[in-house]
């Protein structure tokens, strides 16, 4: 995976009116957060928005493919959808899709905290 720094900055700038935007590098890509809620990833030089069962119909209607990755000889799918082409040069479109993704992120169950390892 590759995270295009210019794409990350474009998304952060365009989505800033919706909240505090942050990112964290992850496996060569990046995860994007709005006010602490995961809403997108940047991977394979593309933007992928958080999706869920409630928003899938909108993503399907826009023709946005699911994020998949090859892992140990099999294809794994994640709840992210490729951003529509217009978001790369239209800040208003980017914010509209980001709102949908942020809502999906807010609906996601909280991640379980990992237990700390006991000191030896």
PDB file of N, CA and C in Angstrom:
ATOM      1  N   UNK A   1       0.844  -1.179   0.000  1.00  0.00           N
ATOM      2  CA  UNK A   1       0.000   0.000   0.000  1.00  0.00           C
ATOM      3  C   UNK A   1       0.883   1.233   0.000  1.00  0.00           C
ATOM      4  N   UNK A   2       0.395   2.265  -0.609  1.00  0.00           N
ATOM      5  CA  UNK A   2       1.109   3.535  -0.603  1.00  0.00           C
ATOM      6  C   UNK A   2       0.145   4.643  -0.219  1.00  0.00           C
ATOM      7  N   UNK A   3       0.659   5.569   0.575  1.00  0.00           N
ATOM      8  CA  UNK A   3      -0.152   6.717   0.989  1.00  0.00           C
ATOM      9  C   UNK A   3       0.405   7.960   0.324  1.00  0.00           C
ATOM     10  N   UNK A   4      -0.341   8.533  -0.580  1.00  0.00           N
ATOM     11  CA  UNK A   4       0.054   9.740  -1.288  1.00  0.00           C
ATOM     12  C   UNK A   4      -0.086  10.933  -0.333  1.00  0.00           C
ATOM     13  N   UNK A   5       1.040  11.565   0.063  1.00  0.00           N
ATOM     14  CA  UNK A   5       0.970  12.685   1.010  1.00  0.00           C
ATOM     15  C   UNK A   5       0.127  13.850   0.492  1.00  0.00           C
ATOM     16  N   UNK A   6       0.163  14.108  -0.804  1.00  0.00           N
ATOM     17  CA  UNK A   6      -0.639  15.198  -1.368  1.00  0.00           C
ATOM     18  C   UNK A   6      -2.127  14.885  -1.254  1.00  0.00           C
ATOM     19  N   UNK A   7      -2.504  13.631  -1.446  1.00  0.00           N
ATOM     20  CA  UNK A   7      -3.904  13.236  -1.314  1.00  0.00           C
ATOM     21  C   UNK A   7      -4.358  13.384   0.139  1.00  0.00           C
ATOM     22  N   UNK A   8      -3.525  12.963   1.057  1.00  0.00           N
ATOM     23  CA  UNK A   8      -3.863  13.097   2.480  1.00  0.00           C
ATOM     24  C   UNK A   8      -4.090  14.566   2.833  1.00  0.00           C
ATOM     25  N   UNK A   9      -3.212  15.436   2.392  1.00  0.00           N
ATOM     26  CA  UNK A   9      -3.351  16.874   2.682  1.00  0.00           C
ATOM     27  C   UNK A   9      -4.605  17.450   2.038  1.00  0.00           C
ATOM     28  N   UNK A  10      -4.913  17.030   0.800  1.00  0.00           N
ATOM     29  CA  UNK A  10      -6.123  17.503   0.118  1.00  0.00           C
ATOM     30  C   UNK A  10      -7.361  17.115   0.929  1.00  0.00           C
ATOM     31  N   UNK A  11      -7.435  15.865   1.376  1.00  0.00           N
ATOM     32  CA  UNK A  11      -8.583  15.405   2.141  1.00  0.00           C
ATOM     33  C   UNK A  11      -8.681  16.168   3.460  1.00  0.00           C
ATOM     34  N   UNK A  12      -7.563  16.306   4.153  1.00  0.00           N
ATOM     35  CA  UNK A  12      -7.577  17.023   5.430  1.00  0.00           C
ATOM     36  C   UNK A  12      -8.069  18.457   5.254  1.00  0.00           C
ATOM     37  N   UNK A  13      -7.593  19.117   4.223  1.00  0.00           N
ATOM     38  CA  UNK A  13      -7.990  20.506   3.961  1.00  0.00           C
ATOM     39  C   UNK A  13      -9.466  20.599   3.578  1.00  0.00           C
ATOM     40  N   UNK A  14      -9.913  19.740   2.685  1.00  0.00           N
ATOM     41  CA  UNK A  14     -11.296  19.801   2.200  1.00  0.00           C
ATOM     42  C   UNK A  14     -12.311  19.406   3.267  1.00  0.00           C
ATOM     43  N   UNK A  15     -11.956  18.453   4.123  1.00  0.00           N
ATOM     44  CA  UNK A  15     -12.897  17.944   5.122  1.00  0.00           C
ATOM     45  C   UNK A  15     -12.821  18.737   6.430  1.00  0.00           C
ATOM     46  N   UNK A  16     -11.855  19.614   6.580  1.00  0.00           N
ATOM     47  CA  UNK A  16     -11.666  20.381   7.816  1.00  0.00           C
ATOM     48  C   UNK A  16     -12.932  21.074   8.320  1.00  0.00           C
ATOM     49  N   UNK A  17     -13.817  21.583   7.448  1.00  0.00           N
ATOM     50  CA  UNK A  17     -15.035  22.203   7.986  1.00  0.00           C
ATOM     51  C   UNK A  17     -15.930  21.244   8.785  1.00  0.00           C
ATOM     52  N   UNK A  18     -15.729  19.940   8.647  1.00  0.00           N
ATOM     53  CA  UNK A  18     -16.558  18.963   9.351  1.00  0.00           C
ATOM     54  C   UNK A  18     -16.045  18.634  10.740  1.00  0.00           C
ATOM     55  N   UNK A  19     -14.801  18.985  11.037  1.00  0.00           N
ATOM     56  CA  UNK A  19     -14.227  18.679  12.345  1.00  0.00           C
ATOM     57  C   UNK A  19     -12.721  18.666  12.281  1.00  0.00           C
ATOM     58  N   UNK A  20     -12.097  18.222  13.366  1.00  0.00           N
ATOM     59  CA  UNK A  20     -10.648  18.130  13.433  1.00  0.00           C
ATOM     60  C   UNK A  20     -10.201  16.864  12.706  1.00  0.00           C
ATOM     61  N   UNK A  21      -9.410  17.045  11.660  1.00  0.00           N
ATOM     62  CA  UNK A  21      -8.977  15.927  10.829  1.00  0.00           C
ATOM     63  C   UNK A  21      -7.537  15.561  11.187  1.00  0.00           C
ATOM     64  N   UNK A  22      -7.325  14.288  11.414  1.00  0.00           N
ATOM     65  CA  UNK A  22      -5.986  13.782  11.736  1.00  0.00           C
ATOM     66  C   UNK A  22      -5.747  12.528  10.909  1.00  0.00           C
ATOM     67  N   UNK A  23      -4.486  12.146  10.810  1.00  0.00           N
ATOM     68  CA  UNK A  23      -4.173  10.893  10.119  1.00  0.00           C
ATOM     69  C   UNK A  23      -3.050  10.180  10.842  1.00  0.00           C
ATOM     70  N   UNK A  24      -3.003   8.874  10.637  1.00  0.00           N
ATOM     71  CA  UNK A  24      -1.957   8.043  11.214  1.00  0.00           C
ATOM     72  C   UNK A  24      -1.505   7.073  10.142  1.00  0.00           C
ATOM     73  N   UNK A  25      -0.205   6.964   9.956  1.00  0.00           N
ATOM     74  CA  UNK A  25       0.335   6.026   8.975  1.00  0.00           C
ATOM     75  C   UNK A  25       0.087   4.602   9.462  1.00  0.00           C
ATOM     76  N   UNK A  26      -0.231   3.744   8.499  1.00  0.00           N
ATOM     77  CA  UNK A  26      -0.548   2.372   8.841  1.00  0.00           C
ATOM     78  C   UNK A  26      -0.187   1.463   7.684  1.00  0.00           C
ATOM     79  N   UNK A  27       0.793   0.597   7.845  1.00  0.00           N
ATOM     80  CA  UNK A  27       1.197  -0.371   6.833  1.00  0.00           C
ATOM     81  C   UNK A  27       1.431   0.256   5.460  1.00  0.00           C
ATOM     82  N   UNK A  28       2.082   1.386   5.418  1.00  0.00           N
ATOM     83  CA  UNK A  28       2.363   2.040   4.151  1.00  0.00           C
ATOM     84  C   UNK A  28       1.228   2.908   3.654  1.00  0.00           C
ATOM     85  N   UNK A  29       0.077   2.795   4.269  1.00  0.00           N
ATOM     86  CA  UNK A  29      -1.080   3.620   3.942  1.00  0.00           C
ATOM     87  C   UNK A  29      -1.306   4.613   5.070  1.00  0.00           C
ATOM     88  N   UNK A  30      -2.510   5.130   5.170  1.00  0.00           N
ATOM     89  CA  UNK A  30      -2.848   6.047   6.247  1.00  0.00           C
ATOM     90  C   UNK A  30      -4.324   5.898   6.581  1.00  0.00           C
ATOM     91  N   UNK A  31      -4.633   6.058   7.854  1.00  0.00           N
ATOM     92  CA  UNK A  31      -6.008   6.088   8.325  1.00  0.00           C
ATOM     93  C   UNK A  31      -6.342   7.532   8.646  1.00  0.00           C
ATOM     94  N   UNK A  32      -7.537   7.980   8.240  1.00  0.00           N
ATOM     95  CA  UNK A  32      -7.972   9.354   8.475  1.00  0.00           C
ATOM     96  C   UNK A  32      -9.097   9.374   9.499  1.00  0.00           C
ATOM     97  N   UNK A  33      -9.050  10.368  10.383  1.00  0.00           N
ATOM     98  CA  UNK A  33     -10.000  10.500  11.468  1.00  0.00           C
ATOM     99  C   UNK A  33     -10.625  11.891  11.442  1.00  0.00           C
ATOM    100  N   UNK A  34     -11.901  11.968  11.795  1.00  0.00           N
ATOM    101  CA  UNK A  34     -12.578  13.251  11.997  1.00  0.00           C
ATOM    102  C   UNK A  34     -13.059  13.248  13.448  1.00  0.00           C
ATOM    103  N   UNK A  35     -12.523  14.147  14.238  1.00  0.00           N
ATOM    104  CA  UNK A  35     -12.851  14.209  15.667  1.00  0.00           C
ATOM    105  C   UNK A  35     -12.703  12.837  16.326  1.00  0.00           C
ATOM    106  N   UNK A  36     -11.670  12.097  15.933  1.00  0.00           N
ATOM    107  CA  UNK A  36     -11.369  10.806  16.526  1.00  0.00           C
ATOM    108  C   UNK A  36     -12.088   9.621  15.906  1.00  0.00           C
ATOM    109  N   UNK A  37     -13.005   9.852  14.979  1.00  0.00           N
ATOM    110  CA  UNK A  37     -13.752   8.771  14.327  1.00  0.00           C
ATOM    111  C   UNK A  37     -13.098   8.418  12.995  1.00  0.00           C
ATOM    112  N   UNK A  38     -12.782   7.143  12.813  1.00  0.00           N
ATOM    113  CA  UNK A  38     -12.220   6.693  11.547  1.00  0.00           C
ATOM    114  C   UNK A  38     -13.255   6.867  10.446  1.00  0.00           C
ATOM    115  N   UNK A  39     -12.840   7.543   9.346  1.00  0.00           N
ATOM    116  CA  UNK A  39     -13.786   7.716   8.242  1.00  0.00           C
ATOM    117  C   UNK A  39     -13.200   7.360   6.886  1.00  0.00           C
ATOM    118  N   UNK A  40     -11.880   7.179   6.791  1.00  0.00           N
ATOM    119  CA  UNK A  40     -11.296   6.857   5.485  1.00  0.00           C
ATOM    120  C   UNK A  40      -9.892   6.297   5.661  1.00  0.00           C
ATOM    121  N   UNK A  41      -9.427   5.663   4.585  1.00  0.00           N
ATOM    122  CA  UNK A  41      -8.031   5.268   4.499  1.00  0.00           C
ATOM    123  C   UNK A  41      -7.501   5.719   3.139  1.00  0.00           C
ATOM    124  N   UNK A  42      -6.214   5.934   3.089  1.00  0.00           N
ATOM    125  CA  UNK A  42      -5.535   6.203   1.830  1.00  0.00           C
ATOM    126  C   UNK A  42      -4.607   5.018   1.616  1.00  0.00           C
ATOM    127  N   UNK A  43      -4.832   4.302   0.525  1.00  0.00           N
ATOM    128  CA  UNK A  43      -4.042   3.107   0.225  1.00  0.00           C
ATOM    129  C   UNK A  43      -4.037   2.890  -1.276  1.00  0.00           C
ATOM    130  N   UNK A  44      -2.947   2.355  -1.781  1.00  0.00           N
ATOM    131  CA  UNK A  44      -2.813   2.094  -3.212  1.00  0.00           C
ATOM    132  C   UNK A  44      -3.092   3.364  -4.016  1.00  0.00           C
ATOM    133  N   UNK A  45      -2.618   4.504  -3.491  1.00  0.00           N
ATOM    134  CA  UNK A  45      -2.780   5.815  -4.123  1.00  0.00           C
ATOM    135  C   UNK A  45      -4.230   6.179  -4.403  1.00  0.00           C
ATOM    136  N   UNK A  46      -5.133   5.737  -3.549  1.00  0.00           N
ATOM    137  CA  UNK A  46      -6.550   6.056  -3.690  1.00  0.00           C
ATOM    138  C   UNK A  46      -7.145   6.336  -2.322  1.00  0.00           C
ATOM    139  N   UNK A  47      -8.280   7.008  -2.325  1.00  0.00           N
ATOM    140  CA  UNK A  47      -9.030   7.297  -1.114  1.00  0.00           C
ATOM    141  C   UNK A  47     -10.163   6.288  -0.997  1.00  0.00           C
ATOM    142  N   UNK A  48     -10.305   5.714   0.191  1.00  0.00           N
ATOM    143  CA  UNK A  48     -11.333   4.716   0.464  1.00  0.00           C
ATOM    144  C   UNK A  48     -12.121   5.180   1.684  1.00  0.00           C
ATOM    145  N   UNK A  49     -13.443   5.324   1.540  1.00  0.00           N
ATOM    146  CA  UNK A  49     -14.297   5.792   2.626  1.00  0.00           C
ATOM    147  C   UNK A  49     -14.887   4.635   3.423  1.00  0.00           C
ATOM    148  N   UNK A  50     -15.068   4.852   4.724  1.00  0.00           N
ATOM    149  CA  UNK A  50     -15.699   3.882   5.616  1.00  0.00           C
ATOM    150  C   UNK A  50     -17.135   3.649   5.148  1.00  0.00           C
ATOM    151  N   UNK A  51     -17.557   2.405   5.142  1.00  0.00           N
ATOM    152  CA  UNK A  51     -18.910   2.039   4.731  1.00  0.00           C
ATOM    153  C   UNK A  51     -19.473   1.038   5.737  1.00  0.00           C
ATOM    154  N   UNK A  52     -20.762   0.815   5.651  1.00  0.00           N
ATOM    155  CA  UNK A  52     -21.406  -0.204   6.478  1.00  0.00           C
ATOM    156  C   UNK A  52     -22.693  -0.637   5.780  1.00  0.00           C
ATOM    157  N   UNK A  53     -23.422  -1.554   6.401  1.00  0.00           N
ATOM    158  CA  UNK A  53     -24.637  -2.078   5.785  1.00  0.00           C
ATOM    159  C   UNK A  53     -25.648  -0.969   5.498  1.00  0.00           C
ATOM    160  N   UNK A  54     -25.702   0.037   6.348  1.00  0.00           N
ATOM    161  CA  UNK A  54     -26.663   1.127   6.158  1.00  0.00           C
ATOM    162  C   UNK A  54     -26.310   2.015   4.965  1.00  0.00           C
ATOM    163  N   UNK A  55     -25.021   2.181   4.688  1.00  0.00           N
ATOM    164  CA  UNK A  55     -24.613   3.066   3.591  1.00  0.00           C
ATOM    165  C   UNK A  55     -24.256   2.324   2.301  1.00  0.00           C
ATOM    166  N   UNK A  56     -24.202   0.999   2.337  1.00  0.00           N
ATOM    167  CA  UNK A  56     -23.786   0.227   1.160  1.00  0.00           C
ATOM    168  C   UNK A  56     -24.570   0.556  -0.105  1.00  0.00           C
ATOM    169  N   UNK A  57     -25.875   0.776   0.011  1.00  0.00           N
ATOM    170  CA  UNK A  57     -26.691   1.053  -1.178  1.00  0.00           C
ATOM    171  C   UNK A  57     -26.230   2.332  -1.877  1.00  0.00           C
ATOM    172  N   UNK A  58     -25.840   3.348  -1.109  1.00  0.00           N
ATOM    173  CA  UNK A  58     -25.354   4.600  -1.716  1.00  0.00           C
ATOM    174  C   UNK A  58     -24.044   4.365  -2.458  1.00  0.00           C
ATOM    175  N   UNK A  59     -23.159   3.590  -1.849  1.00  0.00           N
ATOM    176  CA  UNK A  59     -21.871   3.290  -2.483  1.00  0.00           C
ATOM    177  C   UNK A  59     -22.083   2.457  -3.741  1.00  0.00           C
ATOM    178  N   UNK A  60     -22.994   1.480  -3.651  1.00  0.00           N
ATOM    179  CA  UNK A  60     -23.287   0.651  -4.820  1.00  0.00           C
ATOM    180  C   UNK A  60     -23.842   1.499  -5.961  1.00  0.00           C
ATOM    181  N   UNK A  61     -24.775   2.401  -5.648  1.00  0.00           N
ATOM    182  CA  UNK A  61     -25.391   3.247  -6.669  1.00  0.00           C
ATOM    183  C   UNK A  61     -24.355   4.132  -7.363  1.00  0.00           C
ATOM    184  N   UNK A  62     -23.307   4.521  -6.636  1.00  0.00           N
ATOM    185  CA  UNK A  62     -22.255   5.362  -7.211  1.00  0.00           C
ATOM    186  C   UNK A  62     -21.172   4.524  -7.894  1.00  0.00           C
ATOM    187  N   UNK A  63     -21.300   3.191  -7.842  1.00  0.00           N
ATOM    188  CA  UNK A  63     -20.323   2.320  -8.491  1.00  0.00           C
ATOM    189  C   UNK A  63     -18.986   2.252  -7.777  1.00  0.00           C
ATOM    190  N   UNK A  64     -19.001   2.426  -6.465  1.00  0.00           N
ATOM    191  CA  UNK A  64     -17.756   2.441  -5.675  1.00  0.00           C
ATOM    192  C   UNK A  64     -17.407   1.039  -5.197  1.00  0.00           C
ATOM    193  N   UNK A  65     -16.303   0.528  -5.697  1.00  0.00           N
ATOM    194  CA  UNK A  65     -15.884  -0.838  -5.368  1.00  0.00           C
ATOM    195  C   UNK A  65     -15.446  -0.961  -3.912  1.00  0.00           C
ATOM    196  N   UNK A  66     -15.537  -2.181  -3.410  1.00  0.00           N
ATOM    197  CA  UNK A  66     -15.089  -2.492  -2.046  1.00  0.00           C
ATOM    198  C   UNK A  66     -13.566  -2.573  -2.003  1.00  0.00           C
ATOM    199  N   UNK A  67     -13.022  -2.235  -0.852  1.00  0.00           N
ATOM    200  CA  UNK A  67     -11.591  -2.368  -0.622  1.00  0.00           C
ATOM    201  C   UNK A  67     -11.287  -3.845  -0.395  1.00  0.00           C
ATOM    202  N   UNK A  68     -10.373  -4.372  -1.173  1.00  0.00           N
ATOM    203  CA  UNK A  68      -9.924  -5.746  -0.985  1.00  0.00           C
ATOM    204  C   UNK A  68      -8.407  -5.777  -0.998  1.00  0.00           C
ATOM    205  N   UNK A  69      -7.868  -6.782  -0.343  1.00  0.00           N
ATOM    206  CA  UNK A  69      -6.428  -6.945  -0.289  1.00  0.00           C
ATOM    207  C   UNK A  69      -6.122  -8.446  -0.237  1.00  0.00           C
ATOM    208  N   UNK A  70      -5.039  -8.826  -0.880  1.00  0.00           N
ATOM    209  CA  UNK A  70      -4.600 -10.222  -0.849  1.00  0.00           C
ATOM    210  C   UNK A  70      -3.823 -10.466   0.448  1.00  0.00           C
ATOM    211  N   UNK A  71      -4.249 -11.474   1.177  1.00  0.00           N
ATOM    212  CA  UNK A  71      -3.578 -11.831   2.431  1.00  0.00           C
ATOM    213  C   UNK A  71      -3.430 -13.342   2.505  1.00  0.00           C
ATOM    214  N   UNK A  72      -2.200 -13.793   2.550  1.00  0.00           N
ATOM    215  CA  UNK A  72      -1.912 -15.225   2.706  1.00  0.00           C
ATOM    216  C   UNK A  72      -2.660 -16.081   1.687  1.00  0.00           C
ATOM    217  N   UNK A  73      -2.632 -15.644   0.439  1.00  0.00           N
ATOM    218  CA  UNK A  73      -3.221 -16.424  -0.629  1.00  0.00           C
ATOM    219  C   UNK A  73      -4.727 -16.314  -0.774  1.00  0.00           C
ATOM    220  N   UNK A  74      -5.354 -15.428  -0.027  1.00  0.00           N
ATOM    221  CA  UNK A  74      -6.798 -15.250  -0.171  1.00  0.00           C
ATOM    222  C   UNK A  74      -7.126 -13.760  -0.215  1.00  0.00           C
ATOM    223  N   UNK A  75      -8.286 -13.437  -0.717  1.00  0.00           N
ATOM    224  CA  UNK A  75      -8.713 -12.052  -0.826  1.00  0.00           C
ATOM    225  C   UNK A  75      -9.569 -11.691   0.378  1.00  0.00           C
ATOM    226  N   UNK A  76      -9.182 -10.634   1.066  1.00  0.00           N
ATOM    227  CA  UNK A  76      -9.938 -10.147   2.219  1.00  0.00           C
ATOM    228  C   UNK A  76     -10.600  -8.827   1.836  1.00  0.00           C
ATOM    229  N   UNK A  77     -11.829  -8.638   2.289  1.00  0.00           N
ATOM    230  CA  UNK A  77     -12.579  -7.421   2.014  1.00  0.00           C
ATOM    231  C   UNK A  77     -12.777  -6.660   3.323  1.00  0.00           C
ATOM    232  N   UNK A  78     -12.740  -5.344   3.240  1.00  0.00           N
ATOM    233  CA  UNK A  78     -12.955  -4.510   4.419  1.00  0.00           C
ATOM    234  C   UNK A  78     -14.098  -3.547   4.135  1.00  0.00           C
ATOM    235  N   UNK A  79     -14.678  -2.980   5.169  1.00  0.00           N
ATOM    236  CA  UNK A  79     -15.809  -2.054   5.019  1.00  0.00           C
ATOM    237  C   UNK A  79     -15.349  -0.656   4.608  1.00  0.00           C
ATOM    238  N   UNK A  80     -14.688  -0.587   3.474  1.00  0.00           N
ATOM    239  CA  UNK A  80     -14.298   0.687   2.875  1.00  0.00           C
ATOM    240  C   UNK A  80     -14.654   0.626   1.400  1.00  0.00           C
ATOM    241  N   UNK A  81     -15.030   1.799   0.846  1.00  0.00           N
ATOM    242  CA  UNK A  81     -15.378   1.881  -0.567  1.00  0.00           C
ATOM    243  C   UNK A  81     -14.508   2.922  -1.252  1.00  0.00           C
ATOM    244  N   UNK A  82     -14.111   2.632  -2.474  1.00  0.00           N
ATOM    245  CA  UNK A  82     -13.295   3.567  -3.249  1.00  0.00           C
ATOM    246  C   UNK A  82     -14.079   4.851  -3.471  1.00  0.00           C
ATOM    247  N   UNK A  83     -13.428   5.979  -3.268  1.00  0.00           N
ATOM    248  CA  UNK A  83     -14.082   7.273  -3.442  1.00  0.00           C
ATOM    249  C   UNK A  83     -14.462   7.493  -4.895  1.00  0.00           C
ATOM    250  N   UNK A  84     -15.617   8.114  -5.131  1.00  0.00           N
ATOM    251  CA  UNK A  84     -15.981   8.465  -6.503  1.00  0.00           C
ATOM    252  C   UNK A  84     -14.941   9.418  -7.096  1.00  0.00           C
ATOM    253  N   UNK A  85     -14.768   9.374  -8.400  1.00  0.00           N
ATOM    254  CA  UNK A  85     -13.735  10.179  -9.063  1.00  0.00           C
ATOM    255  C   UNK A  85     -13.848  11.674  -8.802  1.00  0.00           C
ATOM    256  N   UNK A  86     -15.080  12.187  -8.642  1.00  0.00           N
ATOM    257  CA  UNK A  86     -15.231  13.637  -8.495  1.00  0.00           C
ATOM    258  C   UNK A  86     -14.666  14.199  -7.196  1.00  0.00           C
ATOM    259  N   UNK A  87     -14.421  13.350  -6.182  1.00  0.00           N
ATOM    260  CA  UNK A  87     -13.916  13.882  -4.909  1.00  0.00           C
ATOM    261  C   UNK A  87     -12.472  14.368  -5.002  1.00  0.00           C
ATOM    262  N   UNK A  88     -11.772  13.958  -6.039  1.00  0.00           N
ATOM    263  CA  UNK A  88     -10.360  14.333  -6.158  1.00  0.00           C
ATOM    264  C   UNK A  88     -10.170  15.778  -6.613  1.00  0.00           C
ATOM    265  N   UNK A  89     -11.239  16.407  -7.121  1.00  0.00           N
ATOM    266  CA  UNK A  89     -11.108  17.815  -7.528  1.00  0.00           C
ATOM    267  C   UNK A  89     -12.321  18.655  -7.152  1.00  0.00           C
ATOM    268  N   UNK A  90     -13.199  18.130  -6.300  1.00  0.00           N
ATOM    269  CA  UNK A  90     -14.397  18.850  -5.890  1.00  0.00           C
ATOM    270  C   UNK A  90     -14.549  18.716  -4.373  1.00  0.00           C
ATOM    271  N   UNK A  91     -14.185  19.768  -3.653  1.00  0.00           N
ATOM    272  CA  UNK A  91     -14.210  19.733  -2.191  1.00  0.00           C
ATOM    273  C   UNK A  91     -15.624  19.504  -1.654  1.00  0.00           C
ATOM    274  N   UNK A  92     -16.635  20.063  -2.311  1.00  0.00           N
ATOM    275  CA  UNK A  92     -18.007  19.865  -1.854  1.00  0.00           C
ATOM    276  C   UNK A  92     -18.404  18.392  -1.960  1.00  0.00           C
ATOM    277  N   UNK A  93     -18.076  17.756  -3.070  1.00  0.00           N
ATOM    278  CA  UNK A  93     -18.368  16.332  -3.238  1.00  0.00           C
ATOM    279  C   UNK A  93     -17.604  15.508  -2.199  1.00  0.00           C
ATOM    280  N   UNK A  94     -16.356  15.864  -1.962  1.00  0.00           N
ATOM    281  CA  UNK A  94     -15.549  15.152  -0.969  1.00  0.00           C
ATOM    282  C   UNK A  94     -16.209  15.230   0.409  1.00  0.00           C
ATOM    283  N   UNK A  95     -16.664  16.415   0.787  1.00  0.00           N
ATOM    284  CA  UNK A  95     -17.308  16.564   2.093  1.00  0.00           C
ATOM    285  C   UNK A  95     -18.611  15.762   2.172  1.00  0.00           C
ATOM    286  N   UNK A  96     -19.389  15.731   1.102  1.00  0.00           N
ATOM    287  CA  UNK A  96     -20.647  14.971   1.123  1.00  0.00           C
ATOM    288  C   UNK A  96     -20.386  13.485   1.348  1.00  0.00           C
ATOM    289  N   UNK A  97     -19.421  12.924   0.628  1.00  0.00           N
ATOM    290  CA  UNK A  97     -19.098  11.508   0.821  1.00  0.00           C
ATOM    291  C   UNK A  97     -18.452  11.287   2.179  1.00  0.00           C
ATOM    292  N   UNK A  98     -17.649  12.234   2.628  1.00  0.00           N
ATOM    293  CA  UNK A  98     -17.022  12.109   3.944  1.00  0.00           C
ATOM    294  C   UNK A  98     -18.079  12.078   5.045  1.00  0.00           C
ATOM    295  N   UNK A  99     -19.137  12.858   4.916  1.00  0.00           N
ATOM    296  CA  UNK A  99     -20.221  12.843   5.910  1.00  0.00           C
ATOM    297  C   UNK A  99     -20.835  11.441   6.022  1.00  0.00           C
ATOM    298  N   UNK A 100     -21.041  10.804   4.880  1.00  0.00           N
ATOM    299  CA  UNK A 100     -21.590   9.445   4.870  1.00  0.00           C
ATOM    300  C   UNK A 100     -20.629   8.489   5.574  1.00  0.00           C
ATOM    301  N   UNK A 101     -19.345   8.645   5.283  1.00  0.00           N
ATOM    302  CA  UNK A 101     -18.322   7.776   5.885  1.00  0.00           C
ATOM    303  C   UNK A 101     -18.179   8.034   7.380  1.00  0.00           C
ATOM    304  N   UNK A 102     -18.243   9.286   7.794  1.00  0.00           N
ATOM    305  CA  UNK A 102     -18.152   9.608   9.223  1.00  0.00           C
ATOM    306  C   UNK A 102     -19.335   8.993   9.963  1.00  0.00           C
ATOM    307  N   UNK A 103     -20.527   9.084   9.375  1.00  0.00           N
ATOM    308  CA  UNK A 103     -21.706   8.475   9.993  1.00  0.00           C
ATOM    309  C   UNK A 103     -21.512   6.965  10.150  1.00  0.00           C
ATOM    310  N   UNK A 104     -20.939   6.309   9.132  1.00  0.00           N
ATOM    311  CA  UNK A 104     -20.664   4.871   9.229  1.00  0.00           C
ATOM    312  C   UNK A 104     -19.655   4.600  10.341  1.00  0.00           C
ATOM    313  N   UNK A 105     -18.643   5.452  10.445  1.00  0.00           N
ATOM    314  CA  UNK A 105     -17.659   5.296  11.507  1.00  0.00           C
ATOM    315  C   UNK A 105     -18.271   5.451  12.890  1.00  0.00           C
ATOM    316  N   UNK A 106     -19.209   6.367  13.030  1.00  0.00           N
ATOM    317  CA  UNK A 106     -19.875   6.570  14.318  1.00  0.00           C
ATOM    318  C   UNK A 106     -20.775   5.391  14.678  1.00  0.00           C
ATOM    319  N   UNK A 107     -21.322   4.721  13.669  1.00  0.00           N
ATOM    320  CA  UNK A 107     -22.181   3.554  13.921  1.00  0.00           C
ATOM    321  C   UNK A 107     -21.379   2.293  14.236  1.00  0.00           C
ATOM    322  N   UNK A 108     -20.111   2.272  13.878  1.00  0.00           N
ATOM    323  CA  UNK A 108     -19.287   1.069  14.084  1.00  0.00           C
ATOM    324  C   UNK A 108     -19.150   0.781  15.576  1.00  0.00           C
ATOM    325  N   UNK A 109     -19.171  -0.499  15.934  1.00  0.00           N
ATOM    326  CA  UNK A 109     -18.984  -0.823  17.356  1.00  0.00           C
ATOM    327  C   UNK A 109     -17.590  -0.406  17.807  1.00  0.00           C
ATOM    328  N   UNK A 110     -17.473   0.015  19.059  1.00  0.00           N
ATOM    329  CA  UNK A 110     -16.147   0.417  19.548  1.00  0.00           C
ATOM    330  C   UNK A 110     -15.187  -0.763  19.523  1.00  0.00           C
ATOM    331  N   UNK A 111     -13.936  -0.451  19.216  1.00  0.00           N
ATOM    332  CA  UNK A 111     -12.923  -1.509  19.205  1.00  0.00           C
ATOM    333  C   UNK A 111     -12.612  -1.916  20.633  1.00  0.00           C
ATOM    334  N   UNK A 112     -12.415  -3.214  20.806  1.00  0.00           N
ATOM    335  CA  UNK A 112     -12.057  -3.722  22.128  1.00  0.00           C
ATOM    336  C   UNK A 112     -10.615  -3.345  22.430  1.00  0.00           C
ATOM    337  N   UNK A 113     -10.388  -2.938  23.656  1.00  0.00           N
ATOM    338  CA  UNK A 113      -9.042  -2.598  24.080  1.00  0.00           C
ATOM    339  C   UNK A 113      -8.251  -3.886  24.307  1.00  0.00           C
ATOM    340  N   UNK A 114      -7.015  -3.876  23.839  1.00  0.00           N
ATOM    341  CA  UNK A 114      -6.147  -5.026  24.082  1.00  0.00           C
ATOM    342  C   UNK A 114      -5.679  -5.018  25.517  1.00  0.00           C
ATOM    343  N   UNK A 115      -5.600  -6.203  26.070  1.00  0.00           N
ATOM    344  CA  UNK A 115      -5.116  -6.311  27.445  1.00  0.00           C
ATOM    345  C   UNK A 115      -3.606  -6.096  27.458  1.00  0.00           C
ATOM    346  N   UNK A 116      -3.139  -5.375  28.442  1.00  0.00           N
ATOM    347  CA  UNK A 116      -1.704  -5.150  28.575  1.00  0.00           C
ATOM    348  C   UNK A 116      -1.032  -6.449  28.982  1.00  0.00           C
ATOM    349  N   UNK A 117       0.145  -6.665  28.425  1.00  0.00           N
ATOM    350  CA  UNK A 117       0.916  -7.864  28.795  1.00  0.00           C
ATOM    351  C   UNK A 117       1.410  -7.734  30.233  1.00  0.00           C
ATOM    352  N   UNK A 118       1.371  -8.821  30.919  1.00  0.00           N
ATOM    353  CA  UNK A 118       1.880  -8.823  32.293  1.00  0.00           C
ATOM    354  C   UNK A 118       3.397  -8.726  32.270  1.00  0.00           C
ATOM    355  N   UNK A 119       3.931  -7.967  33.191  1.00  0.00           N
ATOM    356  CA  UNK A 119       5.388  -7.810  33.291  1.00  0.00           C
ATOM    357  C   UNK A 119       5.992  -9.126  33.787  1.00  0.00           C
ATOM    358  N   UNK A 120       7.108  -9.503  33.171  1.00  0.00           N
ATOM    359  CA  UNK A 120       7.775 -10.749  33.576  1.00  0.00           C
ATOM    360  C   UNK A 120       8.624 -10.535  34.794  1.00  0.00           C
TER     361      UNK A 120
END
